[in-house]
């Protein structure tokens, strides 16, 4: 049994993780612990409070008790909002507090792009333009070329959590850009676990989504390789990249 720990802000698309766990097989467990007082806000001034070392450290005890082997901080803006160096410090502090290997969804996207063997991606974010641009800058800092950034400028995470297949597909199509080898949708409030195959078939290229890459990152840290085509091209590639 491999137990993955996920620190999750809010109550938006948490059911994605139960679906992903089911698709991965019976020997993988995904333990979700909510970070109290944190929300995956779509504002550039929110991430530092949301992802503070003290707030994350206070939430890891539940994962240790559950027997988690790795931990991933599942709040993209709570990672990339710190910038590349700041996000690295955040993950190091989380690893020390948790006593296990740690990462974040922001780094998961960079690692997943490398795993796919692509260089240029298009970004489709429900965020406002300033937050979407910060995420694109983070990808660039990780060596990823960004062919285009589409910011939907949607409202609250609660609203995004209400999006269905049609809205998610519309965002992915609007984001797709000439020369992009993959499309990235960086919002954990977006339900995507049931839609990745459709998105990839419609666009004709890999699609990376926040909840999908978060679980994949936990597996990568645990050095587990899982073939799960229902979760997209990312879960059909080997070997998993090393940090």
Protein backbone atom coordinates (compact mmCIF):
# COMPACT_ATOMS: atom_id res chain seq x y z
CA UNK A 1 0.00 0.00 0.00
CA UNK A 2 1.25 3.47 -0.94
CA UNK A 3 -0.35 6.31 1.03
CA UNK A 4 -0.24 9.80 -0.48
CA UNK A 5 -0.85 12.88 1.65
CA UNK A 6 -2.60 15.91 0.14
CA UNK A 7 -2.94 19.23 1.95
CA UNK A 8 -6.03 20.79 0.40
CA UNK A 9 -7.49 24.27 0.95
CA UNK A 10 -11.24 24.71 1.01
CA UNK A 11 -14.02 22.31 -0.02
CA UNK A 12 -14.26 22.86 -3.74
CA UNK A 13 -13.26 19.85 -5.87
CA UNK A 14 -12.12 17.47 -3.15
CA UNK A 15 -14.25 14.69 -4.62
CA UNK A 16 -11.82 14.62 -7.56
CA UNK A 17 -9.35 12.88 -5.25
CA UNK A 18 -11.73 10.08 -4.36
CA UNK A 19 -12.32 9.50 -8.08
CA UNK A 20 -8.59 9.51 -8.81
CA UNK A 21 -7.92 7.09 -5.96
CA UNK A 22 -10.52 4.71 -7.39
CA UNK A 23 -8.93 4.88 -10.85
CA UNK A 24 -5.42 4.23 -9.50
CA UNK A 25 -6.14 0.84 -7.98
CA UNK A 26 -6.55 -0.78 -4.59
CA UNK A 27 -2.92 -0.48 -3.43
CA UNK A 28 -2.83 3.34 -3.49
CA UNK A 29 -4.54 5.51 -0.91
CA UNK A 30 -5.03 9.26 -1.23
CA UNK A 31 -5.40 10.94 2.17
CA UNK A 32 -6.83 14.45 2.03
CA UNK A 33 -6.33 16.86 4.91
CA UNK A 34 -7.92 20.29 4.72
CA UNK A 35 -5.74 23.24 5.65
CA UNK A 36 -7.88 25.18 8.08
CA UNK A 37 -8.41 28.84 7.29
CA UNK A 38 -6.92 28.54 3.81
CA UNK A 39 -8.77 29.13 0.58
CA UNK A 40 -7.51 28.80 -2.96
CA UNK A 41 -8.30 32.44 -3.63
CA UNK A 42 -7.83 33.92 -7.09
CA UNK A 43 -6.07 37.05 -5.84
CA UNK A 44 -2.39 37.83 -6.07
CA UNK A 45 -2.37 39.08 -2.47
CA UNK A 46 -3.81 35.86 -1.00
CA UNK A 47 -1.11 33.19 -1.50
CA UNK A 48 1.38 34.22 1.18
CA UNK A 49 -1.18 34.00 3.94
CA UNK A 50 -2.70 30.82 2.52
CA UNK A 51 0.59 28.96 2.18
CA UNK A 52 2.47 30.21 5.20
CA UNK A 53 4.84 27.65 6.78
CA UNK A 54 3.00 27.90 10.09
CA UNK A 55 -0.38 27.16 8.51
CA UNK A 56 0.93 24.16 6.57
CA UNK A 57 2.91 22.78 9.52
CA UNK A 58 -0.21 22.86 11.66
CA UNK A 59 -1.98 20.56 9.21
CA UNK A 60 0.55 17.76 8.73
CA UNK A 61 -0.09 15.83 11.95
CA UNK A 62 -3.19 14.26 10.44
CA UNK A 63 -1.16 12.96 7.52
CA UNK A 64 1.48 11.44 9.79
CA UNK A 65 -1.20 9.67 11.80
CA UNK A 66 -2.72 8.35 8.59
CA UNK A 67 0.61 6.88 7.56
CA UNK A 68 1.18 9.07 4.52
CA UNK A 69 4.54 8.58 2.81
CA UNK A 70 4.61 11.82 0.83
CA UNK A 71 2.81 15.16 1.03
CA UNK A 72 1.81 17.63 -1.66
CA UNK A 73 0.50 21.13 -0.95
CA UNK A 74 -2.46 21.32 -3.32
CA UNK A 75 -2.88 25.04 -3.85
CA UNK A 76 -1.27 26.31 -7.05
CA UNK A 77 -1.57 30.01 -6.20
CA UNK A 78 -0.38 29.19 -2.67
CA UNK A 79 2.85 27.99 -4.27
CA UNK A 80 3.58 29.98 -7.42
CA UNK A 81 2.53 33.16 -5.62
CA UNK A 82 5.81 32.91 -3.68
CA UNK A 83 7.91 32.82 -6.83
CA UNK A 84 10.30 30.01 -7.75
CA UNK A 85 12.75 30.45 -4.87
CA UNK A 86 10.07 31.17 -2.31
CA UNK A 87 8.10 28.10 -3.36
CA UNK A 88 11.21 25.95 -2.97
CA UNK A 89 11.69 27.27 0.57
CA UNK A 90 8.02 26.56 1.28
CA UNK A 91 8.37 22.93 0.18
CA UNK A 92 11.58 22.45 2.18
CA UNK A 93 9.86 23.77 5.31
CA UNK A 94 6.89 21.49 4.68
CA UNK A 95 9.16 18.46 4.33
CA UNK A 96 10.83 19.23 7.64
CA UNK A 97 7.51 19.79 9.42
CA UNK A 98 5.96 16.64 7.96
CA UNK A 99 9.02 14.41 8.22
CA UNK A 100 8.47 13.11 4.70
CA UNK A 101 9.14 14.03 1.08
CA UNK A 102 7.12 17.07 0.07
CA UNK A 103 6.19 19.11 -2.97
CA UNK A 104 3.42 21.37 -4.23
CA UNK A 105 1.02 21.49 -7.16
CA UNK A 106 3.01 24.34 -8.69
CA UNK A 107 6.14 22.18 -8.94
CA UNK A 108 3.99 19.23 -9.99
CA UNK A 109 3.08 21.05 -13.20
CA UNK A 110 6.74 21.66 -14.04
CA UNK A 111 7.66 18.04 -13.33
CA UNK A 112 4.67 16.76 -15.30
CA UNK A 113 5.59 18.84 -18.35
CA UNK A 114 9.09 17.34 -18.23
CA UNK A 115 7.61 13.87 -17.86
CA UNK A 116 5.58 14.33 -21.03
CA UNK A 117 8.70 15.39 -22.89
CA UNK A 118 7.17 18.63 -24.16
CA UNK A 119 8.59 22.13 -23.99
CA UNK A 120 5.81 24.54 -24.98
CA UNK A 121 2.45 24.68 -23.21
CA UNK A 122 -0.64 26.85 -23.27
CA UNK A 123 -2.17 27.96 -19.98
CA UNK A 124 -5.91 28.16 -19.39
CA UNK A 125 -6.72 29.58 -15.96
CA UNK A 126 -10.07 30.56 -14.47
CA UNK A 127 -8.05 33.19 -12.57
CA UNK A 128 -7.79 36.89 -13.26
CA UNK A 129 -5.04 37.86 -15.69
CA UNK A 130 -2.52 38.91 -13.01
CA UNK A 131 -2.67 35.53 -11.27
CA UNK A 132 -2.56 33.63 -14.56
CA UNK A 133 0.54 35.61 -15.56
CA UNK A 134 2.21 34.77 -12.24
CA UNK A 135 1.65 31.09 -12.90
CA UNK A 136 3.07 31.42 -16.41
CA UNK A 137 6.14 33.14 -14.96
CA UNK A 138 6.57 30.23 -12.54
CA UNK A 139 6.49 27.75 -15.40
CA UNK A 140 9.08 29.78 -17.27
CA UNK A 141 11.31 29.80 -14.21
CA UNK A 142 11.14 26.00 -14.35
CA UNK A 143 12.31 25.95 -17.96
CA UNK A 144 8.86 25.58 -19.56
CA UNK A 145 8.03 27.69 -22.61
CA UNK A 146 4.57 29.26 -22.50
CA UNK A 147 2.90 29.67 -25.89
CA UNK A 148 -0.07 31.59 -24.53
CA UNK A 149 -2.04 32.46 -21.42
CA UNK A 150 -5.82 32.51 -21.34
CA UNK A 151 -7.35 34.03 -18.19
CA UNK A 152 -11.07 33.42 -17.89
CA UNK A 153 -11.35 35.94 -15.07
CA UNK A 154 -13.94 33.84 -13.28
CA UNK A 155 -15.16 34.69 -9.82
CA UNK A 156 -14.83 32.63 -6.67
CA UNK A 157 -13.54 29.07 -6.33
CA UNK A 158 -17.09 28.04 -5.42
CA UNK A 159 -18.23 29.21 -8.86
CA UNK A 160 -15.41 27.33 -10.62
CA UNK A 161 -16.28 24.17 -8.68
CA UNK A 162 -19.71 24.33 -10.29
CA UNK A 163 -18.31 24.13 -13.81
CA UNK A 164 -19.06 20.98 -15.74
CA UNK A 165 -17.58 19.25 -18.75
CA UNK A 166 -18.77 21.90 -21.23
CA UNK A 167 -17.25 24.85 -19.37
CA UNK A 168 -13.97 23.04 -18.77
CA UNK A 169 -13.69 22.02 -22.41
CA UNK A 170 -14.46 25.58 -23.51
CA UNK A 171 -11.64 26.89 -21.32
CA UNK A 172 -9.17 24.32 -22.68
CA UNK A 173 -10.09 25.09 -26.27
CA UNK A 174 -9.85 28.84 -25.71
CA UNK A 175 -6.43 28.40 -24.08
CA UNK A 176 -4.92 26.19 -26.78
CA UNK A 177 -2.34 28.16 -28.75
CA UNK A 178 -0.34 27.66 -31.90
CA UNK A 179 2.81 25.68 -31.15
CA UNK A 180 1.58 24.44 -27.77
CA UNK A 181 2.35 20.76 -27.20
CA UNK A 182 0.14 20.50 -24.12
CA UNK A 183 -2.53 22.52 -22.34
CA UNK A 184 -2.33 23.31 -18.61
CA UNK A 185 -5.38 24.08 -16.44
CA UNK A 186 -4.03 25.24 -13.03
CA UNK A 187 -6.99 25.41 -10.67
CA UNK A 188 -7.78 22.85 -7.97
CA UNK A 189 -11.36 24.13 -7.73
CA UNK A 190 -11.95 22.82 -11.25
CA UNK A 191 -13.42 19.32 -11.44
CA UNK A 192 -11.36 17.54 -14.09
CA UNK A 193 -10.76 13.93 -12.98
CA UNK A 194 -13.68 12.71 -15.07
CA UNK A 195 -12.90 14.86 -18.09
CA UNK A 196 -9.20 14.46 -18.93
CA UNK A 197 -9.65 11.82 -21.68
CA UNK A 198 -12.31 13.94 -23.39
CA UNK A 199 -10.15 17.07 -23.13
CA UNK A 200 -7.15 15.30 -24.64
CA UNK A 201 -9.21 13.72 -27.43
CA UNK A 202 -10.81 17.06 -28.30
CA UNK A 203 -7.52 18.99 -28.35
CA UNK A 204 -5.37 16.21 -29.75
CA UNK A 205 -2.67 16.74 -27.13
CA UNK A 206 -1.96 16.11 -23.43
CA UNK A 207 -3.90 18.14 -20.88
CA UNK A 208 -2.55 18.69 -17.38
CA UNK A 209 -4.95 19.65 -14.61
CA UNK A 210 -4.31 20.65 -11.01
CA UNK A 211 -5.85 17.73 -9.11
CA UNK A 212 -4.47 15.21 -11.62
CA UNK A 213 -0.86 16.45 -11.37
CA UNK A 214 -1.10 16.82 -7.59
CA UNK A 215 -1.73 13.09 -7.15
CA UNK A 216 0.86 12.23 -9.82
CA UNK A 217 3.42 14.31 -7.92
CA UNK A 218 2.74 12.35 -4.74
CA UNK A 219 3.32 9.14 -6.68
CA UNK A 220 6.50 10.55 -8.19
CA UNK A 221 7.84 11.34 -4.73
CA UNK A 222 6.99 7.80 -3.64
CA UNK A 223 8.71 6.43 -6.77
CA UNK A 224 5.49 4.73 -7.89
CA UNK A 225 4.59 4.21 -11.54
CA UNK A 226 0.92 3.72 -12.28
CA UNK A 227 -0.67 3.11 -15.65
CA UNK A 228 -4.10 4.75 -15.59
CA UNK A 229 -5.15 5.92 -19.08
CA UNK A 230 -8.43 7.23 -17.65
CA UNK A 231 -6.33 10.01 -16.08
CA UNK A 232 -4.70 11.06 -19.32
CA UNK A 233 -1.36 10.83 -21.10
CA UNK A 234 0.53 11.75 -17.93
CA UNK A 235 -0.44 8.39 -16.41
CA UNK A 236 0.68 6.35 -19.39
CA UNK A 237 4.30 7.53 -19.52
CA UNK A 238 7.42 5.95 -17.99
CA UNK A 239 9.77 6.50 -16.35
CA UNK A 240 8.75 9.09 -13.81
CA UNK A 241 11.18 12.00 -13.81
CA UNK A 242 13.52 12.66 -10.91
CA UNK A 243 13.89 16.04 -9.19
